[in-house]
Amino acid sequence: VQLQACGGGLVQAGDSLRLSCAQSERTFNTMGWFRQALGKEREFVAAINWSGENTIYADSVKGRFTISRDNAKNTVYLQMNSLKPEDTAVFYCAARQPTVLSRYSASYNYWGQGTLVTVSS
């Protein structure tokens, strides 16, 4: 199983980016996005269930980021609006088979390689 994340880049504060994560073999029940800033621990960003009806977000991104998925394309997205310099990080997509949404990175079994998002002030 491979998860391929892409869409990162260098943007200015206030700009938007959309990250994508393609799953190579199958569609997992729960997909999540995490991020890790330089010198910091990996942190939860958002997660979504299979149908897309249930989502959870970190407080720091709530109202600015939106997670969504297209199961026909085996792809999950993270739309990031009103980006801030503190959003600068490597963003990772992750997958787990259980249907319960989770904020805990240890509960995800599969990880993508990460895509760098840099937000300048």
N, C-alpha and C. Protein backbone atom coordinates (compact mmCIF):
# COMPACT_ATOMS: atom_id res chain seq x y z
N VAL A 1 0.85 -1.18 0.00
CA VAL A 1 0.00 0.00 0.00
C VAL A 1 0.89 1.24 0.00
N GLN A 2 0.58 2.15 -0.89
CA GLN A 2 1.33 3.40 -0.95
C GLN A 2 0.38 4.57 -0.87
N LEU A 3 0.81 5.56 -0.13
CA LEU A 3 0.10 6.82 -0.06
C LEU A 3 1.02 7.88 -0.64
N GLN A 4 0.54 8.60 -1.61
CA GLN A 4 1.35 9.59 -2.29
C GLN A 4 0.75 10.96 -2.07
N ALA A 5 1.41 11.76 -1.24
CA ALA A 5 0.93 13.11 -0.95
C ALA A 5 1.62 14.11 -1.86
N CYS A 6 0.87 15.10 -2.28
CA CYS A 6 1.44 16.15 -3.11
C CYS A 6 0.63 17.43 -2.94
N GLY A 7 1.15 18.50 -3.49
CA GLY A 7 0.43 19.77 -3.46
C GLY A 7 1.07 20.83 -2.61
N GLY A 8 2.13 20.49 -1.90
CA GLY A 8 2.79 21.48 -1.08
C GLY A 8 3.52 22.52 -1.90
N GLY A 9 3.99 23.55 -1.23
CA GLY A 9 4.71 24.60 -1.92
C GLY A 9 4.95 25.79 -1.03
N LEU A 10 5.47 26.84 -1.63
CA LEU A 10 5.76 28.10 -0.92
C LEU A 10 4.67 29.11 -1.26
N VAL A 11 4.00 29.59 -0.23
CA VAL A 11 2.93 30.57 -0.42
C VAL A 11 3.10 31.69 0.60
N GLN A 12 2.33 32.74 0.40
CA GLN A 12 2.34 33.85 1.35
C GLN A 12 1.19 33.70 2.34
N ALA A 13 1.35 34.35 3.47
CA ALA A 13 0.28 34.34 4.47
C ALA A 13 -1.02 34.82 3.85
N GLY A 14 -2.09 34.10 4.15
CA GLY A 14 -3.39 34.44 3.60
C GLY A 14 -3.74 33.66 2.34
N ASP A 15 -2.77 33.03 1.73
CA ASP A 15 -3.01 32.25 0.52
C ASP A 15 -3.65 30.90 0.84
N SER A 16 -3.97 30.17 -0.22
CA SER A 16 -4.58 28.85 -0.09
C SER A 16 -3.74 27.81 -0.83
N LEU A 17 -3.85 26.59 -0.37
CA LEU A 17 -3.25 25.44 -1.04
C LEU A 17 -4.17 24.25 -0.87
N ARG A 18 -4.13 23.33 -1.83
CA ARG A 18 -4.86 22.08 -1.67
C ARG A 18 -3.89 20.92 -1.79
N LEU A 19 -3.82 20.15 -0.74
CA LEU A 19 -3.00 18.95 -0.74
C LEU A 19 -3.85 17.76 -1.19
N SER A 20 -3.20 16.82 -1.84
CA SER A 20 -3.86 15.60 -2.27
C SER A 20 -3.08 14.40 -1.79
N CYS A 21 -3.78 13.32 -1.55
CA CYS A 21 -3.12 12.07 -1.14
C CYS A 21 -3.80 10.93 -1.88
N ALA A 22 -3.08 10.30 -2.75
CA ALA A 22 -3.62 9.20 -3.53
C ALA A 22 -3.23 7.87 -2.90
N GLN A 23 -4.19 6.98 -2.83
CA GLN A 23 -3.96 5.65 -2.26
C GLN A 23 -3.80 4.65 -3.40
N SER A 24 -2.78 3.83 -3.32
CA SER A 24 -2.43 3.01 -4.47
C SER A 24 -3.32 1.79 -4.66
N GLU A 25 -3.79 1.20 -3.58
CA GLU A 25 -4.42 -0.11 -3.73
C GLU A 25 -5.87 -0.16 -3.31
N ARG A 26 -6.22 0.52 -2.29
CA ARG A 26 -7.59 0.39 -1.80
C ARG A 26 -7.97 1.64 -1.05
N THR A 27 -9.20 1.71 -0.70
CA THR A 27 -9.71 2.86 0.03
C THR A 27 -9.86 2.49 1.49
N PHE A 28 -9.19 3.22 2.35
CA PHE A 28 -9.25 2.97 3.77
C PHE A 28 -10.44 3.69 4.39
N ASN A 29 -10.93 3.12 5.49
CA ASN A 29 -12.09 3.72 6.14
C ASN A 29 -11.79 5.12 6.66
N THR A 30 -10.65 5.27 7.31
CA THR A 30 -10.32 6.56 7.91
C THR A 30 -9.03 7.09 7.29
N MET A 31 -9.07 8.32 6.88
CA MET A 31 -7.90 9.00 6.36
C MET A 31 -7.63 10.23 7.21
N GLY A 32 -6.36 10.49 7.41
CA GLY A 32 -6.00 11.65 8.22
C GLY A 32 -4.85 12.43 7.62
N TRP A 33 -4.75 13.66 8.07
CA TRP A 33 -3.61 14.51 7.76
C TRP A 33 -2.93 14.91 9.06
N PHE A 34 -1.63 14.83 9.05
CA PHE A 34 -0.80 15.26 10.17
C PHE A 34 0.26 16.21 9.62
N ARG A 35 0.91 16.94 10.51
CA ARG A 35 1.99 17.81 10.07
C ARG A 35 3.08 17.83 11.12
N GLN A 36 4.27 18.14 10.65
CA GLN A 36 5.40 18.23 11.56
C GLN A 36 6.26 19.41 11.17
N ALA A 37 6.31 20.37 12.05
CA ALA A 37 7.16 21.53 11.84
C ALA A 37 8.58 21.21 12.30
N LEU A 38 9.53 21.97 11.80
CA LEU A 38 10.92 21.74 12.13
C LEU A 38 11.14 21.83 13.62
N GLY A 39 11.70 20.79 14.20
CA GLY A 39 12.00 20.78 15.62
C GLY A 39 10.82 20.48 16.53
N LYS A 40 9.68 20.15 15.93
CA LYS A 40 8.50 19.86 16.74
C LYS A 40 8.00 18.44 16.46
N GLU A 41 7.13 17.99 17.32
CA GLU A 41 6.55 16.67 17.14
C GLU A 41 5.45 16.71 16.08
N ARG A 42 5.20 15.56 15.50
CA ARG A 42 4.11 15.45 14.53
C ARG A 42 2.79 15.70 15.24
N GLU A 43 1.91 16.47 14.59
CA GLU A 43 0.64 16.78 15.22
C GLU A 43 -0.51 16.51 14.26
N PHE A 44 -1.63 16.22 14.85
CA PHE A 44 -2.85 15.93 14.09
C PHE A 44 -3.38 17.20 13.45
N VAL A 45 -3.92 17.05 12.23
CA VAL A 45 -4.54 18.17 11.54
C VAL A 45 -6.03 17.90 11.30
N ALA A 46 -6.34 16.79 10.65
CA ALA A 46 -7.73 16.51 10.32
C ALA A 46 -7.88 15.03 9.97
N ALA A 47 -9.11 14.53 10.08
CA ALA A 47 -9.40 13.15 9.70
C ALA A 47 -10.81 13.08 9.15
N ILE A 48 -11.05 12.05 8.32
CA ILE A 48 -12.34 11.91 7.67
C ILE A 48 -12.69 10.43 7.56
N ASN A 49 -13.98 10.12 7.68
CA ASN A 49 -14.38 8.73 7.56
C ASN A 49 -14.64 8.37 6.10
N TRP A 50 -15.02 7.13 5.87
CA TRP A 50 -15.12 6.63 4.49
C TRP A 50 -16.14 7.42 3.67
N SER A 51 -17.29 7.69 4.26
CA SER A 51 -18.34 8.36 3.51
C SER A 51 -18.09 9.86 3.34
N GLY A 52 -17.22 10.38 4.19
CA GLY A 52 -16.97 11.82 4.15
C GLY A 52 -17.93 12.61 5.02
N GLU A 53 -18.86 11.93 5.66
CA GLU A 53 -19.86 12.63 6.48
C GLU A 53 -19.31 13.07 7.82
N ASN A 54 -18.31 12.37 8.31
CA ASN A 54 -17.74 12.70 9.61
C ASN A 54 -16.31 13.17 9.46
N THR A 55 -16.02 14.30 10.07
CA THR A 55 -14.67 14.86 10.06
C THR A 55 -14.33 15.42 11.43
N ILE A 56 -13.06 15.47 11.73
CA ILE A 56 -12.57 16.13 12.94
C ILE A 56 -11.35 16.95 12.56
N TYR A 57 -11.13 18.02 13.32
CA TYR A 57 -10.04 18.94 13.04
C TYR A 57 -9.31 19.33 14.32
N ALA A 58 -8.06 19.66 14.16
CA ALA A 58 -7.34 20.30 15.25
C ALA A 58 -7.89 21.71 15.43
N ASP A 59 -7.90 22.17 16.65
CA ASP A 59 -8.44 23.52 16.92
C ASP A 59 -7.69 24.59 16.14
N SER A 60 -6.42 24.36 15.91
CA SER A 60 -5.59 25.37 15.25
C SER A 60 -5.95 25.57 13.77
N VAL A 61 -6.65 24.61 13.17
CA VAL A 61 -6.98 24.73 11.75
C VAL A 61 -8.48 24.79 11.50
N LYS A 62 -9.27 24.61 12.53
CA LYS A 62 -10.72 24.58 12.37
C LYS A 62 -11.21 25.90 11.78
N GLY A 63 -12.03 25.78 10.75
CA GLY A 63 -12.55 26.97 10.08
C GLY A 63 -11.68 27.44 8.94
N ARG A 64 -10.46 26.96 8.85
CA ARG A 64 -9.56 27.34 7.77
C ARG A 64 -9.25 26.18 6.82
N PHE A 65 -9.17 24.97 7.38
CA PHE A 65 -8.84 23.79 6.59
C PHE A 65 -10.09 22.92 6.42
N THR A 66 -10.17 22.25 5.29
CA THR A 66 -11.27 21.32 5.03
C THR A 66 -10.72 20.04 4.44
N ILE A 67 -11.05 18.92 5.08
CA ILE A 67 -10.65 17.62 4.57
C ILE A 67 -11.82 17.03 3.79
N SER A 68 -11.50 16.37 2.69
CA SER A 68 -12.54 15.74 1.88
C SER A 68 -11.92 14.54 1.18
N ARG A 69 -12.76 13.75 0.55
CA ARG A 69 -12.24 12.58 -0.14
C ARG A 69 -13.10 12.24 -1.34
N ASP A 70 -12.47 11.60 -2.31
CA ASP A 70 -13.15 11.10 -3.50
C ASP A 70 -12.78 9.63 -3.60
N ASN A 71 -13.66 8.77 -3.15
CA ASN A 71 -13.34 7.33 -3.11
C ASN A 71 -13.22 6.73 -4.51
N ALA A 72 -13.90 7.31 -5.47
CA ALA A 72 -13.77 6.81 -6.84
C ALA A 72 -12.35 7.01 -7.36
N LYS A 73 -11.68 8.02 -6.83
CA LYS A 73 -10.30 8.30 -7.23
C LYS A 73 -9.29 7.86 -6.18
N ASN A 74 -9.78 7.24 -5.10
CA ASN A 74 -8.90 6.81 -4.01
C ASN A 74 -8.02 7.96 -3.53
N THR A 75 -8.61 9.12 -3.38
CA THR A 75 -7.84 10.31 -3.05
C THR A 75 -8.51 11.08 -1.93
N VAL A 76 -7.70 11.58 -1.02
CA VAL A 76 -8.17 12.46 0.04
C VAL A 76 -7.49 13.81 -0.15
N TYR A 77 -8.21 14.86 0.19
CA TYR A 77 -7.73 16.23 -0.01
C TYR A 77 -7.69 17.00 1.30
N LEU A 78 -6.85 18.00 1.33
CA LEU A 78 -6.85 18.95 2.43
C LEU A 78 -6.79 20.35 1.82
N GLN A 79 -7.93 21.02 1.84
CA GLN A 79 -7.99 22.40 1.37
C GLN A 79 -7.59 23.32 2.51
N MET A 80 -6.56 24.10 2.29
CA MET A 80 -6.04 24.97 3.33
C MET A 80 -6.19 26.42 2.90
N ASN A 81 -6.99 27.15 3.63
CA ASN A 81 -7.23 28.56 3.35
C ASN A 81 -6.66 29.43 4.47
N SER A 82 -6.49 30.67 4.18
CA SER A 82 -6.00 31.64 5.18
C SER A 82 -4.76 31.11 5.88
N LEU A 83 -3.82 30.67 5.10
CA LEU A 83 -2.61 30.07 5.67
C LEU A 83 -1.81 31.09 6.46
N LYS A 84 -1.20 30.60 7.51
CA LYS A 84 -0.39 31.41 8.41
C LYS A 84 1.05 30.89 8.43
N PRO A 85 1.99 31.71 8.78
CA PRO A 85 3.38 31.23 8.87
C PRO A 85 3.52 30.03 9.81
N GLU A 86 2.71 29.99 10.85
CA GLU A 86 2.79 28.86 11.78
C GLU A 86 2.24 27.56 11.21
N ASP A 87 1.66 27.61 10.02
CA ASP A 87 1.24 26.39 9.33
C ASP A 87 2.40 25.73 8.60
N THR A 88 3.53 26.39 8.54
CA THR A 88 4.69 25.83 7.85
C THR A 88 5.09 24.50 8.47
N ALA A 89 5.13 23.46 7.64
CA ALA A 89 5.42 22.11 8.14
C ALA A 89 5.46 21.14 6.96
N VAL A 90 5.93 19.96 7.25
CA VAL A 90 5.76 18.85 6.32
C VAL A 90 4.43 18.20 6.66
N PHE A 91 3.57 18.07 5.68
CA PHE A 91 2.25 17.49 5.87
C PHE A 91 2.26 16.05 5.38
N TYR A 92 1.70 15.19 6.21
CA TYR A 92 1.64 13.77 5.91
C TYR A 92 0.18 13.31 5.86
N CYS A 93 -0.11 12.44 4.91
CA CYS A 93 -1.41 11.77 4.95
C CYS A 93 -1.21 10.39 5.57
N ALA A 94 -2.24 9.89 6.18
CA ALA A 94 -2.18 8.62 6.87
C ALA A 94 -3.50 7.89 6.72
N ALA A 95 -3.44 6.57 6.88
CA ALA A 95 -4.65 5.76 6.69
C ALA A 95 -4.76 4.71 7.78
N ARG A 96 -6.01 4.41 8.11
CA ARG A 96 -6.27 3.33 9.06
C ARG A 96 -7.58 2.67 8.68
N GLN A 97 -7.70 1.41 8.99
CA GLN A 97 -8.90 0.67 8.60
C GLN A 97 -10.07 0.85 9.57
N PRO A 98 -9.85 0.99 10.87
CA PRO A 98 -10.99 1.18 11.76
C PRO A 98 -11.82 2.40 11.36
N THR A 99 -13.11 2.31 11.62
CA THR A 99 -14.01 3.37 11.19
C THR A 99 -14.05 4.55 12.14
N VAL A 100 -13.59 4.35 13.37
CA VAL A 100 -13.62 5.45 14.33
C VAL A 100 -12.53 6.45 13.98
N LEU A 101 -12.88 7.71 13.92
CA LEU A 101 -11.90 8.74 13.63
C LEU A 101 -10.92 8.87 14.79
N SER A 102 -9.68 9.16 14.45
CA SER A 102 -8.65 9.23 15.49
C SER A 102 -7.73 10.41 15.24
N ARG A 103 -7.30 11.02 16.36
CA ARG A 103 -6.33 12.12 16.34
C ARG A 103 -4.92 11.61 16.63
N TYR A 104 -4.79 10.33 16.90
CA TYR A 104 -3.53 9.80 17.38
C TYR A 104 -2.73 9.15 16.25
N SER A 105 -1.54 9.65 16.03
CA SER A 105 -0.73 9.16 14.91
C SER A 105 -0.41 7.67 15.06
N ALA A 106 -0.25 7.20 16.28
CA ALA A 106 0.10 5.79 16.48
C ALA A 106 -1.01 4.84 16.03
N SER A 107 -2.21 5.36 15.87
CA SER A 107 -3.32 4.50 15.47
C SER A 107 -3.44 4.35 13.96
N TYR A 108 -2.61 5.05 13.21
CA TYR A 108 -2.62 4.96 11.76
C TYR A 108 -1.54 4.00 11.29
N ASN A 109 -1.90 3.13 10.36
CA ASN A 109 -1.00 2.07 9.95
C ASN A 109 -0.16 2.41 8.72
N TYR A 110 -0.67 3.31 7.89
CA TYR A 110 0.00 3.61 6.64
C TYR A 110 0.21 5.11 6.52
N TRP A 111 1.38 5.47 5.99
CA TRP A 111 1.77 6.88 5.91
C TRP A 111 2.32 7.21 4.54
N GLY A 112 2.04 8.42 4.10
CA GLY A 112 2.65 8.93 2.90
C GLY A 112 4.01 9.53 3.21
N GLN A 113 4.68 10.00 2.19
CA GLN A 113 6.05 10.47 2.36
C GLN A 113 6.14 11.91 2.81
N GLY A 114 5.08 12.64 2.79
CA GLY A 114 5.10 14.03 3.24
C GLY A 114 5.29 15.01 2.10
N THR A 115 4.66 16.16 2.26
CA THR A 115 4.82 17.25 1.30
C THR A 115 5.01 18.55 2.08
N LEU A 116 5.97 19.34 1.69
CA LEU A 116 6.35 20.53 2.46
C LEU A 116 5.48 21.72 2.09
N VAL A 117 4.94 22.34 3.12
CA VAL A 117 4.19 23.58 2.98
C VAL A 117 4.95 24.67 3.72
N THR A 118 5.29 25.73 3.00
CA THR A 118 6.00 26.85 3.60
C THR A 118 5.17 28.11 3.39
N VAL A 119 4.86 28.78 4.49
CA VAL A 119 4.06 29.99 4.43
C VAL A 119 4.92 31.16 4.90
N SER A 120 5.14 32.10 4.01
CA SER A 120 5.95 33.26 4.35
C SER A 120 5.06 34.40 4.85
N SER A 121 5.63 35.21 5.69
CA SER A 121 4.85 36.33 6.27
C SER A 121 4.91 37.57 5.41
